[in-house]
Protein backbone atom coordinates (compact mmCIF):
# COMPACT_ATOMS: atom_id res chain seq x y z
CA MET A 1 119.31 94.88 86.30
CA THR A 2 116.31 92.91 85.87
CA ASN A 3 118.14 89.66 86.57
CA VAL A 4 119.05 90.66 89.90
CA THR A 5 117.99 88.46 92.78
CA PHE A 6 117.00 89.77 96.05
CA ASP A 7 116.84 88.31 99.57
CA THR A 8 113.33 87.17 100.40
CA ILE A 9 111.65 89.83 102.98
CA ALA A 10 109.54 87.68 105.18
CA ARG A 11 108.17 90.65 107.05
CA VAL A 12 107.95 94.21 105.43
CA GLU A 13 107.01 96.99 107.91
CA GLU A 14 104.64 99.58 106.96
CA ILE A 15 107.30 102.19 107.65
CA VAL A 16 109.37 100.72 104.93
CA THR A 17 106.56 101.13 102.29
CA ASP A 18 105.92 104.78 103.46
CA VAL A 19 109.26 105.71 102.74
CA LEU A 20 109.74 103.82 99.70
CA ALA A 21 106.31 105.72 98.18
CA MET A 22 107.37 108.94 99.22
CA ASP A 23 110.79 108.31 97.53
CA LEU A 24 108.89 107.19 94.46
CA LEU A 25 106.58 110.67 94.96
CA HIS A 26 109.51 112.61 95.03
CA SER A 27 111.73 111.17 92.28
CA SER A 28 109.32 109.51 89.78
CA PRO A 29 107.36 112.12 88.00
CA ASP A 30 105.49 109.17 86.40
CA PHE A 31 104.81 107.45 89.69
CA PHE A 32 103.33 110.82 91.08
CA ARG A 33 101.39 111.38 88.00
CA LYS A 34 100.18 107.84 88.66
CA VAL A 35 98.84 108.70 92.01
CA LEU A 36 96.79 111.63 90.76
CA GLU A 37 95.20 109.47 88.10
CA VAL A 38 94.13 107.29 90.82
CA ALA A 39 92.69 109.93 92.78
CA GLY A 40 90.78 111.19 90.20
CA GLU A 41 92.77 114.83 89.93
CA SER A 42 94.54 116.47 86.95
CA ARG A 43 98.02 115.26 85.91
CA ASP A 44 98.84 119.35 85.75
CA LEU A 45 98.98 119.38 89.51
CA HIS A 46 102.74 120.00 90.69
CA LEU A 47 104.09 118.48 94.21
CA VAL A 48 104.40 121.23 96.93
CA ALA A 49 104.98 119.59 100.01
CA ILE A 50 105.19 115.86 101.40
CA ARG A 51 105.23 114.74 104.89
CA ARG A 52 105.20 111.30 106.73
CA SER A 53 103.59 110.47 110.24
CA VAL A 54 101.64 113.84 110.13
CA ALA A 55 99.80 114.45 113.40
CA ASP A 56 99.16 118.40 113.81
CA THR A 57 95.80 118.10 115.10
CA SER A 58 94.02 115.84 118.03
CA LEU A 59 92.03 113.84 114.87
CA GLY A 60 94.81 111.61 114.77
CA GLU A 61 97.84 110.51 112.27
CA THR A 62 97.97 110.73 108.33
CA ASP A 63 100.60 108.21 107.02
CA ILE A 64 101.63 110.17 103.88
CA GLU A 65 100.47 113.70 103.38
CA ILE A 66 101.23 115.25 99.88
CA VAL A 67 99.94 118.95 98.83
CA ALA A 68 99.57 119.24 95.00
CA GLU A 69 98.57 122.39 93.40
CA SER A 70 97.85 123.94 90.15
CA SER A 71 95.82 126.92 88.66
CA ASP A 72 92.91 125.99 90.29
CA GLY A 73 93.84 125.55 94.14
CA ARG A 74 95.82 123.40 96.17
CA CYS A 75 94.65 119.62 96.88
CA GLY A 76 95.39 117.47 99.66
CA ILE A 77 95.85 113.94 99.52
CA LEU A 78 95.74 112.22 102.52
CA ILE A 79 97.10 108.42 102.15
CA GLU A 80 96.39 106.07 104.72
CA ASN A 81 98.91 103.03 104.27
CA LYS A 82 98.61 99.27 105.31
CA VAL A 83 100.19 96.02 105.29
CA ARG A 84 98.55 93.65 107.47
CA ALA A 85 97.56 96.10 110.97
CA PRO A 86 94.13 96.27 111.97
CA LEU A 87 92.21 99.50 111.71
CA MET A 88 91.58 101.42 114.75
CA ASP A 89 87.97 103.10 115.79
CA ARG A 90 86.93 105.59 113.07
CA GLN A 91 90.38 105.56 111.36
CA PHE A 92 89.11 106.57 108.03
CA ALA A 93 86.18 108.86 109.27
CA ARG A 94 89.21 110.69 110.77
CA TYR A 95 90.96 111.12 107.71
CA ARG A 96 88.09 112.84 106.56
CA MET A 97 87.83 115.50 109.48
CA ARG A 98 91.59 115.88 108.94
CA GLY A 99 90.85 116.94 105.21
CA GLU A 100 87.97 119.10 106.45
CA ALA A 101 89.86 120.75 108.71
CA GLY A 102 92.93 121.48 106.38
CA VAL A 103 90.13 123.09 104.34
CA GLN A 104 89.14 125.28 107.28
CA ARG A 105 92.76 126.03 107.69
CA GLY A 106 93.60 127.23 104.02
CA GLN A 107 96.14 124.02 103.65
CA TRP A 108 94.08 122.90 100.32
CA THR A 109 91.22 123.96 98.76
CA ARG A 110 89.98 120.12 98.42
CA PHE A 111 91.29 116.65 99.35
CA LYS A 112 91.36 113.01 98.74
CA VAL A 113 91.43 110.09 101.35
CA ILE A 114 93.32 107.11 99.77
CA LEU A 115 94.21 103.90 101.21
CA MET A 116 97.47 102.14 99.67
CA SER A 117 97.05 98.37 100.90
CA PRO A 118 97.37 94.93 99.12
CA ARG A 119 94.19 94.64 97.29
CA HIS A 120 92.32 92.13 99.35
CA TYR A 121 93.08 94.27 102.47
CA PHE A 122 90.75 96.58 100.86
CA GLU A 123 88.11 94.22 99.68
CA THR A 124 87.65 92.65 103.42
CA LEU A 125 86.77 96.03 104.96
CA GLY A 126 83.34 96.62 105.74
CA SER A 127 81.19 99.42 104.72
CA GLU A 128 81.58 101.70 108.02
CA HIS A 129 85.02 102.21 106.91
CA SER A 130 85.63 101.98 103.20
CA ALA A 131 82.84 104.66 102.86
CA HIS A 132 85.42 107.07 104.08
CA ILE A 133 87.92 106.11 101.45
CA ASP A 134 87.83 108.09 97.95
CA VAL A 135 90.11 105.53 96.15
CA HIS A 136 92.38 102.60 96.81
CA LEU A 137 95.75 102.34 95.37
CA SER A 138 96.59 98.52 95.36
CA TYR A 139 100.32 97.17 96.31
CA GLU A 140 99.56 95.34 93.27
CA GLU A 141 99.08 98.45 90.73
CA VAL A 142 102.02 99.76 92.48
CA VAL A 143 104.44 96.53 91.37
CA GLU A 144 102.65 96.49 87.88
CA PHE A 145 103.44 100.07 87.59
CA LEU A 146 107.00 99.43 88.85
CA GLY A 147 107.74 96.77 86.33
CA GLY A 148 108.00 99.17 83.72
CA TYR A 149 111.18 100.64 85.41
CA PRO A 150 114.04 98.28 85.63
CA GLU A 151 115.91 100.99 88.10
CA PHE A 152 113.11 100.21 90.53
CA ALA A 153 113.38 96.52 90.82
CA PHE A 154 114.04 96.48 94.40
CA LYS A 155 111.38 98.74 95.22
CA ARG A 156 109.33 96.34 93.51
CA HIS A 157 110.79 93.41 95.07
CA VAL A 158 109.62 94.96 98.37
CA PHE A 159 106.16 95.70 97.48
CA GLU A 160 105.89 91.94 96.47
CA SER A 161 107.00 91.32 99.33
CA ALA A 162 104.56 92.92 101.51
CA ILE A 163 101.80 91.39 99.73
CA ALA A 164 103.06 88.18 100.19
CA ASP A 165 103.49 89.33 103.80
CA PHE A 166 99.90 89.85 104.10
CA ARG A 167 98.82 86.73 102.15
CA LYS A 168 100.56 84.69 105.01
CA GLY A 169 99.53 86.71 107.53
CA TYR A 170 101.85 87.23 110.73
CA VAL A 171 102.91 84.26 112.85
CA LYS A 172 103.73 85.03 116.11
CA SER A 173 107.14 83.48 117.14
CA PRO A 174 106.60 81.82 120.68
CA ASP A 175 109.26 82.85 123.41
CA LEU A 176 109.28 80.26 125.71
CA ALA A 177 110.61 82.31 128.84
CA MET A 178 107.56 84.88 128.00
CA MET A 179 105.01 82.44 128.02
CA GLU A 180 106.24 80.48 130.94
CA PHE A 181 105.73 84.30 132.67
CA TYR A 182 102.25 85.10 131.13
CA GLN A 183 100.79 81.75 132.22
CA LYS A 184 102.23 82.33 136.01
CA TYR A 185 100.90 85.93 135.59
CA TRP A 186 97.62 84.72 134.47
CA LEU A 187 97.28 82.48 137.68
CA VAL A 188 97.79 84.72 139.94
CA ALA A 189 95.56 87.33 137.96
CA SER A 190 92.44 84.81 137.33
CA THR A 191 92.37 83.49 140.99
CA GLU A 192 93.15 86.77 142.80
CA PHE A 193 92.12 89.41 140.67
CA PRO A 194 89.01 87.71 138.46
CA GLN A 195 87.62 91.18 138.13
CA LEU A 196 90.01 92.07 135.69
CA ARG A 197 88.90 89.37 133.43
CA MET A 198 92.48 88.55 132.14
CA LEU A 199 92.36 85.96 129.20
CA LYS A 200 94.19 83.13 129.05
CA PRO A 201 97.40 83.86 127.13
CA ASP A 202 98.06 82.44 124.04
CA THR A 203 101.27 82.43 122.18
CA VAL A 204 103.61 85.11 123.26
CA GLY A 205 106.97 86.30 121.49
CA LYS A 206 109.24 87.77 123.17
CA ASP A 207 108.11 91.48 122.59
CA GLY A 208 105.28 90.59 124.46
CA SER A 209 105.97 93.19 127.65
CA TRP A 210 102.71 94.81 127.18
CA ILE A 211 100.04 92.64 128.76
CA TYR A 212 96.36 93.63 127.40
CA PHE A 213 93.44 93.13 129.45
CA PRO A 214 89.78 92.99 127.93
CA GLY A 215 88.05 96.66 127.24
CA LEU A 216 86.03 98.16 130.57
CA TYR A 217 83.61 99.95 127.97
CA ALA A 218 83.44 101.48 124.47
CA GLY A 219 84.31 98.22 123.01
CA ASN A 220 88.42 98.02 123.52
CA SER A 221 88.83 102.17 123.32
CA VAL A 222 89.02 101.98 127.38
CA ARG A 223 90.90 99.32 128.42
CA LEU A 224 93.97 98.45 131.11
CA ILE A 225 97.44 97.78 130.08
CA HIS A 226 100.59 96.51 132.42
CA LYS A 227 103.77 97.71 130.93
CA PHE A 228 105.68 95.45 132.98
CA LYS A 229 109.47 96.32 132.07
CA GLY A 230 109.23 99.76 133.35
CA ILE A 231 106.35 102.04 132.60
CA GLY A 232 103.89 100.72 134.95
CA CYS A 233 99.94 99.88 134.92
CA GLU A 234 97.73 101.86 132.62
CA LEU A 235 94.34 103.01 131.67
CA ALA A 236 94.44 103.57 127.82
CA ILE A 237 91.89 105.66 126.28
CA VAL A 238 91.60 105.96 122.36
CA SER A 239 90.12 109.15 121.75
CA ARG A 240 89.90 112.01 119.24
CA ASN A 241 89.86 114.50 121.66
CA ALA A 242 92.66 112.95 123.97
CA GLU A 243 94.34 116.50 125.21
CA SER A 244 91.08 117.56 126.21
CA LEU A 245 90.04 114.14 127.84
CA ALA A 246 93.53 114.44 129.67
CA ALA A 247 92.91 118.01 130.82
CA ALA A 248 89.32 116.82 131.96
CA LEU A 249 90.37 113.91 134.09
CA ALA A 250 93.52 115.79 135.65
CA PRO A 251 91.59 117.55 138.57
CA ILE A 252 89.90 114.10 139.65
CA LEU A 253 92.97 111.95 139.88
CA GLU A 254 93.65 109.61 142.74
CA PRO A 255 96.97 109.83 144.69
CA GLU A 256 99.70 108.69 142.55
CA MET A 257 98.19 108.65 139.67
CA LEU A 258 99.08 110.63 136.61
CA VAL A 259 97.74 111.64 133.39
CA ARG A 260 99.21 112.07 129.66
CA SER A 261 98.14 112.36 126.24
CA THR A 262 99.00 111.65 122.58
CA LYS A 263 97.48 112.82 119.75
CA SER A 264 94.86 109.92 119.79
CA MET A 265 95.13 108.66 123.24
CA ALA A 266 95.16 109.21 126.67
CA PHE A 267 96.83 107.56 129.58
CA VAL A 268 96.34 107.40 133.56
CA ASN A 269 99.38 105.78 134.59
CA LEU A 270 100.25 104.03 138.07
CA LYS A 271 103.84 103.35 138.26
CA THR A 272 104.62 100.08 139.55
CA PRO A 273 107.92 97.71 139.73
CA ALA A 274 109.40 96.77 136.58
CA LEU A 275 109.44 93.01 135.99
CA ASN A 276 112.29 90.77 134.68
CA HIS A 277 110.23 87.91 133.13
CA ILE A 278 113.26 85.55 133.38
CA VAL A 279 113.93 85.12 137.19
CA ASP A 280 112.32 83.11 139.38
CA PHE A 281 108.54 83.95 139.46
CA GLU A 282 108.39 83.54 143.62
CA THR A 283 110.84 86.17 143.75
CA ILE A 284 108.85 88.68 141.74
CA ARG A 285 105.36 87.51 142.77
CA PRO A 286 105.21 90.31 145.67
CA ASP A 287 105.56 92.84 142.92
CA VAL A 288 102.74 90.97 140.31
CA VAL A 289 100.40 91.35 142.86
CA SER A 290 101.28 94.90 143.69
CA SER A 291 101.04 95.66 139.84
CA LEU A 292 97.53 93.82 140.02
CA GLN A 293 96.30 95.99 142.88
CA SER A 294 96.88 98.66 141.07
CA LEU A 295 95.52 97.67 137.81
CA ASP A 296 92.21 97.09 139.86
CA ARG A 297 92.89 100.61 141.06
CA LEU A 298 92.88 101.75 137.74
CA ARG A 299 89.43 100.01 136.80
CA LYS A 300 87.94 101.33 139.84
CA PHE A 301 88.71 104.64 138.73
CA ALA A 302 87.53 104.34 135.38
CA MET A 303 84.02 102.64 136.57
CA ASN A 304 83.54 105.62 138.73
CA GLU A 305 80.28 107.12 137.49
CA GLU A 306 81.66 110.90 137.43
CA VAL A 307 84.88 109.55 135.63
CA ARG A 308 83.33 107.37 133.11
CA GLN A 309 81.09 110.50 132.05
CA ARG A 310 83.97 112.43 131.70
CA ILE A 311 85.79 109.68 129.43
CA THR A 312 82.71 108.75 127.02
CA ASN A 313 82.04 112.66 126.84
CA LEU A 314 84.95 112.91 124.93
CA LEU A 315 85.97 109.46 123.09
């Protein structure tokens, strides 16, 4: 089995290494003990529960949540898994908040926050992020561990590919039709709606159906997005109190505006016509202008003093 040749994996998504890690934690007692050792916990702990993409509260999402137990109580191990994705605002601080919330709810008596990623990803983190991480489990350590188990050769190959993916970075493949549409969209936005401050487009891939505008305030936590394949125009707000924020904005919405929330974001939406980027631009130009008008409505709404106060109070 050690001589098997595997196909090259050019791009490894985090969901893949999430699932592989969960499979190893469940099926390999040695790997589970390896994680316990890295976390500084006793090898006597036994696995009680393991979940992925846990978002039970408004404090954000945990990639992998482990609950382990021994005679001295339960330990929650909260793992953030990264291949290349950038960090969200206060991402690891919110991991600690979720850990503390678990203690308060009686889910565990103590907890650890682990970052699982390529080594260099961790090394480049600023102290404002790394200060909230108890320990780093590098992909390189995982690869070294798996090297001792021929039956895990493919899993080892995937983690090796993820390291290589991180090192070369993600190079977006340009889509000519999408880039031509973006260029014409930008010309309209920059000349007729300069207040939206749309940046001149660079490389755009075929998946570029969400047009992002610069942040309005609070960094990029409050920004406009045009999801032009059918969702419409949105004011998107990153918040650890997303449900409360949506409730606070609901009474002061303008006509045709709708508000919704996820665990970590609130959205104020204006429905606009879907745009087919491959047709002649002049045929959809009126809908582009109408959409930009909706984005400007959302911008003015966000900049309203009362609205801005409610948003900043609940970020």
